[in-house]
Amino acid sequence: MFRVERRDTALTRAFTLTELVYHATVRNIRRGHSTGLQALVMNIMQSVIFITAFVVLFNVLGLRGAALRGDFILYIMSGIFLFMTHIKALGALAGAEGPTSPMMKHAPMNTAIAIFSAALSSLYIQVLSMVLILFAVHVAWRPIVIADPSAAFGMFMLAWFSGAAIGTILLALKPWLPNFVRIVNMVYSRVNMIASGKMFVANTLPAHMLAFFDWNPLFHAIDQARGYTFINYNPHYTNWEYPLMIGVIALMIGMMGEFYTRQHASASWFAGR
């Protein structure tokens, strides 16, 4: 009957939002796994399997000489890490909580928090996996030397951002076309096994072949990352502005689409029932 009204200040609202994002991020990390550690171990195993498979493939096919002059393992890892963070971010956003999710029935929760926490959980797992793998290689095998670590990490973040931005478009489309979104997500991931350019560098491609790859923001991010990783490689056909521009445009389209979906979900899906 009687209740005390609490007036939230900007500081308390910021703290509440941060707490919600934290708990939603932890929930996303542990989704499908009993603990967060298990999710991390599984992601590390995926990256290690990818790295091992490409090392064996390059050795069997005799393509190792086509790689850059420098640490061959670092060359492979520079492509695998950016590929994994791009694809995982896209998948995390495409599978984030939508406006019809039961989680949205809780008053503080909203789709903006779900989107941000999904992107943050993907980034957390990928950064931690990359750091642990690089540390293990550096300590147990050979020293890892990166020409410009901060700029190379910036390209890693750019691959994550562009993947998350494209994922928001799929998230907005998922309630309307769930099967189509599932197929697009799967096809995009499979195409990027080749189109990402993690097995080669742009400078070695002939001009007529570049057209098959330069549409891909991940191709630009990986090639630029190798330019910052290796002191003797200077990318001529790629730039970091393109994936940034694609990411910003995709994020704006995705957020507008998500807003439209959230506003019209009830009227369109249940009108005929």
C-alpha atoms as a PDB file:
ATOM      1  CA  MET A   1       0.000   0.000   0.000  1.00  0.00           C
ATOM      2  CA  PHE A   2       2.748   2.374   0.964  1.00  0.00           C
ATOM      3  CA  ARG A   3       6.070   2.464  -0.762  1.00  0.00           C
ATOM      4  CA  VAL A   4       9.063   4.726  -0.713  1.00  0.00           C
ATOM      5  CA  GLU A   5       9.943   6.196  -4.079  1.00  0.00           C
ATOM      6  CA  ARG A   6      13.620   6.266  -4.860  1.00  0.00           C
ATOM      7  CA  ARG A   7      14.980   8.928  -7.149  1.00  0.00           C
ATOM      8  CA  ASP A   8      17.872   7.563  -9.168  1.00  0.00           C
ATOM      9  CA  THR A   9      20.741   9.858  -9.948  1.00  0.00           C
ATOM     10  CA  ALA A  10      22.853   9.645 -13.071  1.00  0.00           C
ATOM     11  CA  LEU A  11      25.532   7.827 -11.067  1.00  0.00           C
ATOM     12  CA  THR A  12      23.155   5.163  -9.735  1.00  0.00           C
ATOM     13  CA  ARG A  13      21.662   4.630 -13.194  1.00  0.00           C
ATOM     14  CA  ALA A  14      25.143   4.204 -14.641  1.00  0.00           C
ATOM     15  CA  PHE A  15      26.023   1.730 -11.897  1.00  0.00           C
ATOM     16  CA  THR A  16      22.790  -0.223 -12.470  1.00  0.00           C
ATOM     17  CA  LEU A  17      23.450  -0.337 -16.224  1.00  0.00           C
ATOM     18  CA  THR A  18      27.015  -1.526 -15.676  1.00  0.00           C
ATOM     19  CA  GLU A  19      25.811  -4.245 -13.310  1.00  0.00           C
ATOM     20  CA  LEU A  20      23.202  -5.418 -15.829  1.00  0.00           C
ATOM     21  CA  VAL A  21      25.774  -5.538 -18.623  1.00  0.00           C
ATOM     22  CA  TYR A  22      28.165  -7.481 -16.386  1.00  0.00           C
ATOM     23  CA  HIS A  23      25.607 -10.137 -15.433  1.00  0.00           C
ATOM     24  CA  ALA A  24      24.322 -10.424 -19.015  1.00  0.00           C
ATOM     25  CA  THR A  25      27.918 -10.802 -20.256  1.00  0.00           C
ATOM     26  CA  VAL A  26      28.639 -13.567 -17.744  1.00  0.00           C
ATOM     27  CA  ARG A  27      25.414 -15.290 -18.762  1.00  0.00           C
ATOM     28  CA  ASN A  28      26.423 -15.166 -22.432  1.00  0.00           C
ATOM     29  CA  ILE A  29      29.895 -16.528 -21.675  1.00  0.00           C
ATOM     30  CA  ARG A  30      28.472 -19.467 -19.741  1.00  0.00           C
ATOM     31  CA  ARG A  31      25.708 -20.190 -22.256  1.00  0.00           C
ATOM     32  CA  GLY A  32      26.038 -23.802 -23.332  1.00  0.00           C
ATOM     33  CA  HIS A  33      28.800 -24.501 -20.791  1.00  0.00           C
ATOM     34  CA  SER A  34      28.752 -25.345 -17.115  1.00  0.00           C
ATOM     35  CA  THR A  35      31.420 -22.749 -16.248  1.00  0.00           C
ATOM     36  CA  GLY A  36      33.143 -19.809 -17.861  1.00  0.00           C
ATOM     37  CA  LEU A  37      36.441 -21.701 -17.713  1.00  0.00           C
ATOM     38  CA  GLN A  38      34.977 -24.470 -19.859  1.00  0.00           C
ATOM     39  CA  ALA A  39      33.880 -21.912 -22.461  1.00  0.00           C
ATOM     40  CA  LEU A  40      37.398 -20.459 -22.503  1.00  0.00           C
ATOM     41  CA  VAL A  41      39.054 -23.869 -22.832  1.00  0.00           C
ATOM     42  CA  MET A  42      36.749 -24.849 -25.688  1.00  0.00           C
ATOM     43  CA  ASN A  43      37.523 -21.629 -27.554  1.00  0.00           C
ATOM     44  CA  ILE A  44      41.269 -22.090 -27.034  1.00  0.00           C
ATOM     45  CA  MET A  45      41.001 -25.641 -28.353  1.00  0.00           C
ATOM     46  CA  GLN A  46      39.193 -24.406 -31.469  1.00  0.00           C
ATOM     47  CA  SER A  47      41.921 -21.845 -32.148  1.00  0.00           C
ATOM     48  CA  VAL A  48      44.707 -24.385 -31.534  1.00  0.00           C
ATOM     49  CA  ILE A  49      43.051 -26.894 -33.874  1.00  0.00           C
ATOM     50  CA  PHE A  50      42.750 -24.226 -36.582  1.00  0.00           C
ATOM     51  CA  ILE A  51      46.398 -23.216 -36.178  1.00  0.00           C
ATOM     52  CA  THR A  52      47.596 -26.836 -36.232  1.00  0.00           C
ATOM     53  CA  ALA A  53      45.481 -27.672 -39.277  1.00  0.00           C
ATOM     54  CA  PHE A  54      46.830 -24.731 -41.284  1.00  0.00           C
ATOM     55  CA  VAL A  55      50.425 -25.434 -40.290  1.00  0.00           C
ATOM     56  CA  VAL A  56      50.037 -29.032 -41.483  1.00  0.00           C
ATOM     57  CA  LEU A  57      48.250 -27.880 -44.650  1.00  0.00           C
ATOM     58  CA  PHE A  58      50.992 -25.405 -45.546  1.00  0.00           C
ATOM     59  CA  ASN A  59      53.683 -28.004 -44.954  1.00  0.00           C
ATOM     60  CA  VAL A  60      51.934 -30.768 -46.913  1.00  0.00           C
ATOM     61  CA  LEU A  61      51.112 -28.540 -49.900  1.00  0.00           C
ATOM     62  CA  GLY A  62      54.526 -26.892 -49.847  1.00  0.00           C
ATOM     63  CA  LEU A  63      53.071 -23.390 -49.417  1.00  0.00           C
ATOM     64  CA  ARG A  64      55.239 -22.390 -46.518  1.00  0.00           C
ATOM     65  CA  GLY A  65      57.626 -20.570 -48.801  1.00  0.00           C
ATOM     66  CA  ALA A  66      54.771 -18.366 -50.032  1.00  0.00           C
ATOM     67  CA  ALA A  67      54.287 -16.926 -46.536  1.00  0.00           C
ATOM     68  CA  LEU A  68      55.970 -13.778 -45.299  1.00  0.00           C
ATOM     69  CA  ARG A  69      59.601 -13.712 -44.296  1.00  0.00           C
ATOM     70  CA  GLY A  70      59.428 -14.017 -40.535  1.00  0.00           C
ATOM     71  CA  ASP A  71      57.860 -16.231 -37.900  1.00  0.00           C
ATOM     72  CA  PHE A  72      55.650 -18.707 -39.772  1.00  0.00           C
ATOM     73  CA  ILE A  73      53.568 -19.597 -36.691  1.00  0.00           C
ATOM     74  CA  LEU A  74      52.917 -15.915 -36.020  1.00  0.00           C
ATOM     75  CA  TYR A  75      51.854 -15.533 -39.657  1.00  0.00           C
ATOM     76  CA  ILE A  76      49.267 -18.299 -39.207  1.00  0.00           C
ATOM     77  CA  MET A  77      48.088 -17.016 -35.827  1.00  0.00           C
ATOM     78  CA  SER A  78      47.656 -13.453 -37.091  1.00  0.00           C
ATOM     79  CA  GLY A  79      45.068 -14.705 -39.568  1.00  0.00           C
ATOM     80  CA  ILE A  80      43.369 -17.241 -37.304  1.00  0.00           C
ATOM     81  CA  PHE A  81      42.894 -14.854 -34.374  1.00  0.00           C
ATOM     82  CA  LEU A  82      41.229 -12.152 -36.469  1.00  0.00           C
ATOM     83  CA  PHE A  83      39.121 -14.702 -38.337  1.00  0.00           C
ATOM     84  CA  MET A  84      37.913 -16.260 -35.086  1.00  0.00           C
ATOM     85  CA  THR A  85      37.044 -12.963 -33.405  1.00  0.00           C
ATOM     86  CA  HIS A  86      35.186 -11.707 -36.508  1.00  0.00           C
ATOM     87  CA  ILE A  87      33.110 -14.871 -36.951  1.00  0.00           C
ATOM     88  CA  LYS A  88      32.477 -15.341 -33.220  1.00  0.00           C
ATOM     89  CA  ALA A  89      31.347 -11.727 -32.830  1.00  0.00           C
ATOM     90  CA  LEU A  90      28.988 -12.060 -35.779  1.00  0.00           C
ATOM     91  CA  GLY A  91      27.550 -15.294 -34.393  1.00  0.00           C
ATOM     92  CA  ALA A  92      27.195 -13.847 -30.892  1.00  0.00           C
ATOM     93  CA  LEU A  93      25.267 -10.827 -32.136  1.00  0.00           C
ATOM     94  CA  ALA A  94      23.111 -12.867 -34.498  1.00  0.00           C
ATOM     95  CA  GLY A  95      22.189 -15.125 -31.571  1.00  0.00           C
ATOM     96  CA  ALA A  96      21.638 -12.361 -29.016  1.00  0.00           C
ATOM     97  CA  GLU A  97      18.404 -11.933 -27.062  1.00  0.00           C
ATOM     98  CA  GLY A  98      15.725 -10.350 -29.252  1.00  0.00           C
ATOM     99  CA  PRO A  99      12.615  -8.299 -28.363  1.00  0.00           C
ATOM    100  CA  THR A 100      10.492 -11.449 -27.922  1.00  0.00           C
ATOM    101  CA  SER A 101      12.954 -13.187 -25.615  1.00  0.00           C
ATOM    102  CA  PRO A 102      11.639 -14.062 -22.129  1.00  0.00           C
ATOM    103  CA  MET A 103      14.558 -12.088 -20.686  1.00  0.00           C
ATOM    104  CA  MET A 104      12.943  -8.873 -21.969  1.00  0.00           C
ATOM    105  CA  LYS A 105      10.044  -9.363 -19.546  1.00  0.00           C
ATOM    106  CA  HIS A 106      12.325  -8.270 -16.717  1.00  0.00           C
ATOM    107  CA  ALA A 107      11.984  -4.513 -16.375  1.00  0.00           C
ATOM    108  CA  PRO A 108      15.657  -3.417 -16.299  1.00  0.00           C
ATOM    109  CA  MET A 109      16.577  -5.628 -19.236  1.00  0.00           C
ATOM    110  CA  ASN A 110      16.391  -4.318 -22.813  1.00  0.00           C
ATOM    111  CA  THR A 111      17.742  -5.240 -26.230  1.00  0.00           C
ATOM    112  CA  ALA A 112      20.532  -2.647 -26.078  1.00  0.00           C
ATOM    113  CA  ILE A 113      21.983  -4.387 -23.017  1.00  0.00           C
ATOM    114  CA  ALA A 114      21.577  -7.780 -24.716  1.00  0.00           C
ATOM    115  CA  ILE A 115      23.409  -6.567 -27.826  1.00  0.00           C
ATOM    116  CA  PHE A 116      26.254  -4.930 -25.905  1.00  0.00           C
ATOM    117  CA  SER A 117      26.734  -7.881 -23.552  1.00  0.00           C
ATOM    118  CA  ALA A 118      26.774 -10.351 -26.462  1.00  0.00           C
ATOM    119  CA  ALA A 119      29.492  -8.349 -28.214  1.00  0.00           C
ATOM    120  CA  LEU A 120      31.449  -7.895 -24.978  1.00  0.00           C
ATOM    121  CA  SER A 121      31.319 -11.590 -24.052  1.00  0.00           C
ATOM    122  CA  SER A 122      32.639 -12.555 -27.478  1.00  0.00           C
ATOM    123  CA  LEU A 123      35.466 -10.016 -27.220  1.00  0.00           C
ATOM    124  CA  TYR A 124      36.398 -11.168 -23.710  1.00  0.00           C
ATOM    125  CA  ILE A 125      36.711 -14.820 -24.725  1.00  0.00           C
ATOM    126  CA  GLN A 126      38.693 -14.057 -27.873  1.00  0.00           C
ATOM    127  CA  VAL A 127      41.131 -11.635 -26.229  1.00  0.00           C
ATOM    128  CA  LEU A 128      41.788 -14.003 -23.339  1.00  0.00           C
ATOM    129  CA  SER A 129      42.251 -16.949 -25.709  1.00  0.00           C
ATOM    130  CA  MET A 130      44.677 -14.980 -27.884  1.00  0.00           C
ATOM    131  CA  VAL A 131      46.725 -13.781 -24.909  1.00  0.00           C
ATOM    132  CA  LEU A 132      46.978 -17.274 -23.413  1.00  0.00           C
ATOM    133  CA  ILE A 133      47.982 -18.892 -26.724  1.00  0.00           C
ATOM    134  CA  LEU A 134      50.594 -16.212 -27.469  1.00  0.00           C
ATOM    135  CA  PHE A 135      51.959 -16.515 -23.940  1.00  0.00           C
ATOM    136  CA  ALA A 136      52.177 -20.299 -24.238  1.00  0.00           C
ATOM    137  CA  VAL A 137      54.000 -20.105 -27.579  1.00  0.00           C
ATOM    138  CA  HIS A 138      56.314 -17.364 -26.305  1.00  0.00           C
ATOM    139  CA  VAL A 139      57.271 -19.278 -23.149  1.00  0.00           C
ATOM    140  CA  ALA A 140      57.203 -22.899 -24.284  1.00  0.00           C
ATOM    141  CA  TRP A 141      58.423 -22.684 -27.879  1.00  0.00           C
ATOM    142  CA  ARG A 142      59.956 -19.501 -29.256  1.00  0.00           C
ATOM    143  CA  PRO A 143      59.840 -15.760 -28.462  1.00  0.00           C
ATOM    144  CA  ILE A 144      57.006 -13.836 -30.128  1.00  0.00           C
ATOM    145  CA  VAL A 145      58.108 -10.528 -31.649  1.00  0.00           C
ATOM    146  CA  ILE A 146      55.465  -8.132 -33.046  1.00  0.00           C
ATOM    147  CA  ALA A 147      56.664  -4.998 -34.816  1.00  0.00           C
ATOM    148  CA  ASP A 148      53.790  -2.737 -33.655  1.00  0.00           C
ATOM    149  CA  PRO A 149      51.701  -4.525 -30.998  1.00  0.00           C
ATOM    150  CA  SER A 150      49.250  -1.672 -30.325  1.00  0.00           C
ATOM    151  CA  ALA A 151      48.392  -1.175 -34.003  1.00  0.00           C
ATOM    152  CA  ALA A 152      48.116  -4.938 -34.563  1.00  0.00           C
ATOM    153  CA  PHE A 153      45.717  -5.168 -31.618  1.00  0.00           C
ATOM    154  CA  GLY A 154      43.793  -2.278 -33.141  1.00  0.00           C
ATOM    155  CA  MET A 155      43.235  -4.385 -36.259  1.00  0.00           C
ATOM    156  CA  PHE A 156      42.078  -7.224 -34.000  1.00  0.00           C
ATOM    157  CA  MET A 157      39.520  -4.858 -32.465  1.00  0.00           C
ATOM    158  CA  LEU A 158      38.517  -3.709 -35.937  1.00  0.00           C
ATOM    159  CA  ALA A 159      37.831  -7.311 -36.978  1.00  0.00           C
ATOM    160  CA  TRP A 160      35.691  -7.742 -33.844  1.00  0.00           C
ATOM    161  CA  PHE A 161      33.821  -4.488 -34.420  1.00  0.00           C
ATOM    162  CA  SER A 162      33.020  -5.203 -38.074  1.00  0.00           C
ATOM    163  CA  GLY A 163      31.842  -8.722 -37.212  1.00  0.00           C
ATOM    164  CA  ALA A 164      29.627  -7.446 -34.391  1.00  0.00           C
ATOM    165  CA  ALA A 165      28.211  -4.699 -36.624  1.00  0.00           C
ATOM    166  CA  ILE A 166      27.265  -7.157 -39.374  1.00  0.00           C
ATOM    167  CA  GLY A 167      25.786  -9.393 -36.680  1.00  0.00           C
ATOM    168  CA  THR A 168      23.366  -6.641 -35.615  1.00  0.00           C
ATOM    169  CA  ILE A 169      21.845  -6.698 -39.106  1.00  0.00           C
ATOM    170  CA  LEU A 170      21.270 -10.437 -38.811  1.00  0.00           C
ATOM    171  CA  LEU A 171      19.830  -9.903 -35.328  1.00  0.00           C
ATOM    172  CA  ALA A 172      17.310  -7.404 -36.705  1.00  0.00           C
ATOM    173  CA  LEU A 173      16.335  -9.786 -39.507  1.00  0.00           C
ATOM    174  CA  LYS A 174      16.177 -12.950 -37.384  1.00  0.00           C
ATOM    175  CA  PRO A 175      12.609 -12.535 -36.035  1.00  0.00           C
ATOM    176  CA  TRP A 176      11.299 -12.003 -39.562  1.00  0.00           C
ATOM    177  CA  LEU A 177      13.469 -14.492 -41.490  1.00  0.00           C
ATOM    178  CA  PRO A 178      14.998 -16.960 -39.003  1.00  0.00           C
ATOM    179  CA  ASN A 179      15.919 -19.646 -41.559  1.00  0.00           C
ATOM    180  CA  PHE A 180      17.400 -17.086 -43.941  1.00  0.00           C
ATOM    181  CA  VAL A 181      19.532 -15.577 -41.158  1.00  0.00           C
ATOM    182  CA  ARG A 182      20.766 -19.028 -40.135  1.00  0.00           C
ATOM    183  CA  ILE A 183      21.780 -19.810 -43.720  1.00  0.00           C
ATOM    184  CA  VAL A 184      23.474 -16.430 -44.218  1.00  0.00           C
ATOM    185  CA  ASN A 185      25.429 -16.834 -40.985  1.00  0.00           C
ATOM    186  CA  MET A 186      26.599 -20.302 -42.002  1.00  0.00           C
ATOM    187  CA  VAL A 187      27.475 -19.300 -45.590  1.00  0.00           C
ATOM    188  CA  TYR A 188      29.314 -16.150 -44.483  1.00  0.00           C
ATOM    189  CA  SER A 189      31.404 -18.164 -42.042  1.00  0.00           C
ATOM    190  CA  ARG A 190      32.266 -20.788 -44.655  1.00  0.00           C
ATOM    191  CA  VAL A 191      33.091 -18.216 -47.340  1.00  0.00           C
ATOM    192  CA  ASN A 192      35.448 -16.405 -44.969  1.00  0.00           C
ATOM    193  CA  MET A 193      37.503 -19.564 -44.603  1.00  0.00           C
ATOM    194  CA  ILE A 194      38.942 -18.523 -47.987  1.00  0.00           C
ATOM    195  CA  ALA A 195      37.814 -14.917 -48.545  1.00  0.00           C
ATOM    196  CA  SER A 196      39.327 -13.645 -45.286  1.00  0.00           C
ATOM    197  CA  GLY A 197      42.812 -13.985 -46.755  1.00  0.00           C
ATOM    198  CA  LYS A 198      44.293 -15.674 -43.714  1.00  0.00           C
ATOM    199  CA  MET A 199      46.192 -18.101 -45.979  1.00  0.00           C
ATOM    200  CA  PHE A 200      47.835 -15.428 -48.141  1.00  0.00           C
ATOM    201  CA  VAL A 201      48.600 -11.714 -48.294  1.00  0.00           C
ATOM    202  CA  ALA A 202      47.120  -9.152 -50.671  1.00  0.00           C
ATOM    203  CA  ASN A 203      50.490  -8.099 -52.104  1.00  0.00           C
ATOM    204  CA  THR A 204      51.011 -11.556 -53.637  1.00  0.00           C
ATOM    205  CA  LEU A 205      47.671 -11.608 -55.475  1.00  0.00           C
ATOM    206  CA  PRO A 206      47.393 -10.595 -59.144  1.00  0.00           C
ATOM    207  CA  ALA A 207      45.123  -7.651 -59.923  1.00  0.00           C
ATOM    208  CA  HIS A 208      42.302  -9.783 -61.338  1.00  0.00           C
ATOM    209  CA  MET A 209      42.175 -11.847 -58.136  1.00  0.00           C
ATOM    210  CA  LEU A 210      41.912  -8.895 -55.745  1.00  0.00           C
ATOM    211  CA  ALA A 211      38.327  -8.241 -56.849  1.00  0.00           C
ATOM    212  CA  PHE A 212      37.283 -11.542 -55.257  1.00  0.00           C
ATOM    213  CA  PHE A 213      38.588 -10.489 -51.846  1.00  0.00           C
ATOM    214  CA  ASP A 214      38.704  -6.706 -51.424  1.00  0.00           C
ATOM    215  CA  TRP A 215      34.945  -6.500 -50.748  1.00  0.00           C
ATOM    216  CA  ASN A 216      35.530  -8.289 -47.453  1.00  0.00           C
ATOM    217  CA  PRO A 217      36.307  -6.054 -44.420  1.00  0.00           C
ATOM    218  CA  LEU A 218      37.992  -8.998 -42.686  1.00  0.00           C
ATOM    219  CA  PHE A 219      40.397  -9.353 -45.627  1.00  0.00           C
ATOM    220  CA  HIS A 220      41.511  -5.748 -45.123  1.00  0.00           C
ATOM    221  CA  ALA A 221      41.795  -6.136 -41.339  1.00  0.00           C
ATOM    222  CA  ILE A 222      43.943  -9.286 -41.555  1.00  0.00           C
ATOM    223  CA  ASP A 223      46.226  -7.859 -44.236  1.00  0.00           C
ATOM    224  CA  GLN A 224      46.703  -4.621 -42.286  1.00  0.00           C
ATOM    225  CA  ALA A 225      47.335  -6.599 -39.079  1.00  0.00           C
ATOM    226  CA  ARG A 226      50.141  -8.469 -40.817  1.00  0.00           C
ATOM    227  CA  GLY A 227      51.583  -5.156 -41.927  1.00  0.00           C
ATOM    228  CA  TYR A 228      51.804  -4.091 -38.286  1.00  0.00           C
ATOM    229  CA  THR A 229      52.932  -7.521 -37.098  1.00  0.00           C
ATOM    230  CA  PHE A 230      55.834  -8.044 -39.527  1.00  0.00           C
ATOM    231  CA  ILE A 231      58.419  -5.350 -40.052  1.00  0.00           C
ATOM    232  CA  ASN A 232      59.179  -6.475 -43.624  1.00  0.00           C
ATOM    233  CA  TYR A 233      55.582  -6.422 -44.948  1.00  0.00           C
ATOM    234  CA  ASN A 234      53.898  -3.243 -46.170  1.00  0.00           C
ATOM    235  CA  PRO A 235      50.290  -3.684 -47.437  1.00  0.00           C
ATOM    236  CA  HIS A 236      49.655  -1.847 -50.711  1.00  0.00           C
ATOM    237  CA  TYR A 237      46.132  -2.946 -51.661  1.00  0.00           C
ATOM    238  CA  THR A 238      44.266  -2.791 -48.345  1.00  0.00           C
ATOM    239  CA  ASN A 239      43.500  -0.163 -45.717  1.00  0.00           C
ATOM    240  CA  TRP A 240      41.967  -0.049 -42.230  1.00  0.00           C
ATOM    241  CA  GLU A 241      39.475   2.699 -43.119  1.00  0.00           C
ATOM    242  CA  TYR A 242      37.349   0.331 -45.227  1.00  0.00           C
ATOM    243  CA  PRO A 243      36.435  -2.174 -42.462  1.00  0.00           C
ATOM    244  CA  LEU A 244      35.840   0.733 -40.078  1.00  0.00           C
ATOM    245  CA  MET A 245      33.482   2.395 -42.562  1.00  0.00           C
ATOM    246  CA  ILE A 246      31.661  -0.889 -43.267  1.00  0.00           C
ATOM    247  CA  GLY A 247      31.360  -1.525 -39.524  1.00  0.00           C
ATOM    248  CA  VAL A 248      29.867   1.899 -38.788  1.00  0.00           C
ATOM    249  CA  ILE A 249      27.386   1.651 -41.678  1.00  0.00           C
ATOM    250  CA  ALA A 250      26.386  -1.910 -40.763  1.00  0.00           C
ATOM    251  CA  LEU A 251      25.952  -0.930 -37.105  1.00  0.00           C
ATOM    252  CA  MET A 252      23.680   1.982 -37.997  1.00  0.00           C
ATOM    253  CA  ILE A 253      21.573  -0.180 -40.324  1.00  0.00           C
ATOM    254  CA  GLY A 254      21.421  -2.971 -37.746  1.00  0.00           C
ATOM    255  CA  MET A 255      20.367  -0.671 -34.906  1.00  0.00           C
ATOM    256  CA  MET A 256      17.673   0.971 -37.055  1.00  0.00           C
ATOM    257  CA  GLY A 257      16.438  -2.473 -38.097  1.00  0.00           C
ATOM    258  CA  GLU A 258      16.424  -3.683 -34.495  1.00  0.00           C
ATOM    259  CA  PHE A 259      14.434  -0.605 -33.444  1.00  0.00           C
ATOM    260  CA  TYR A 260      11.874  -1.223 -36.183  1.00  0.00           C
ATOM    261  CA  THR A 261      11.607  -4.909 -35.231  1.00  0.00           C
ATOM    262  CA  ARG A 262      11.149  -4.046 -31.558  1.00  0.00           C
ATOM    263  CA  GLN A 263       8.400  -1.564 -32.347  1.00  0.00           C
ATOM    264  CA  HIS A 264       6.414  -3.828 -34.698  1.00  0.00           C
ATOM    265  CA  ALA A 265       7.002  -7.306 -33.328  1.00  0.00           C
ATOM    266  CA  SER A 266       3.629  -7.725 -31.581  1.00  0.00           C
ATOM    267  CA  ALA A 267       1.503  -6.158 -34.305  1.00  0.00           C
ATOM    268  CA  SER A 268       2.957  -8.154 -37.175  1.00  0.00           C
ATOM    269  CA  TRP A 269       3.547 -11.585 -35.668  1.00  0.00           C
ATOM    270  CA  PHE A 270       0.314 -12.009 -33.764  1.00  0.00           C
ATOM    271  CA  ALA A 271      -2.159 -10.008 -35.816  1.00  0.00           C
ATOM    272  CA  GLY A 272      -3.535 -13.046 -37.624  1.00  0.00           C
ATOM    273  CA  ARG A 273      -3.952 -15.217 -34.521  1.00  0.00           C
END
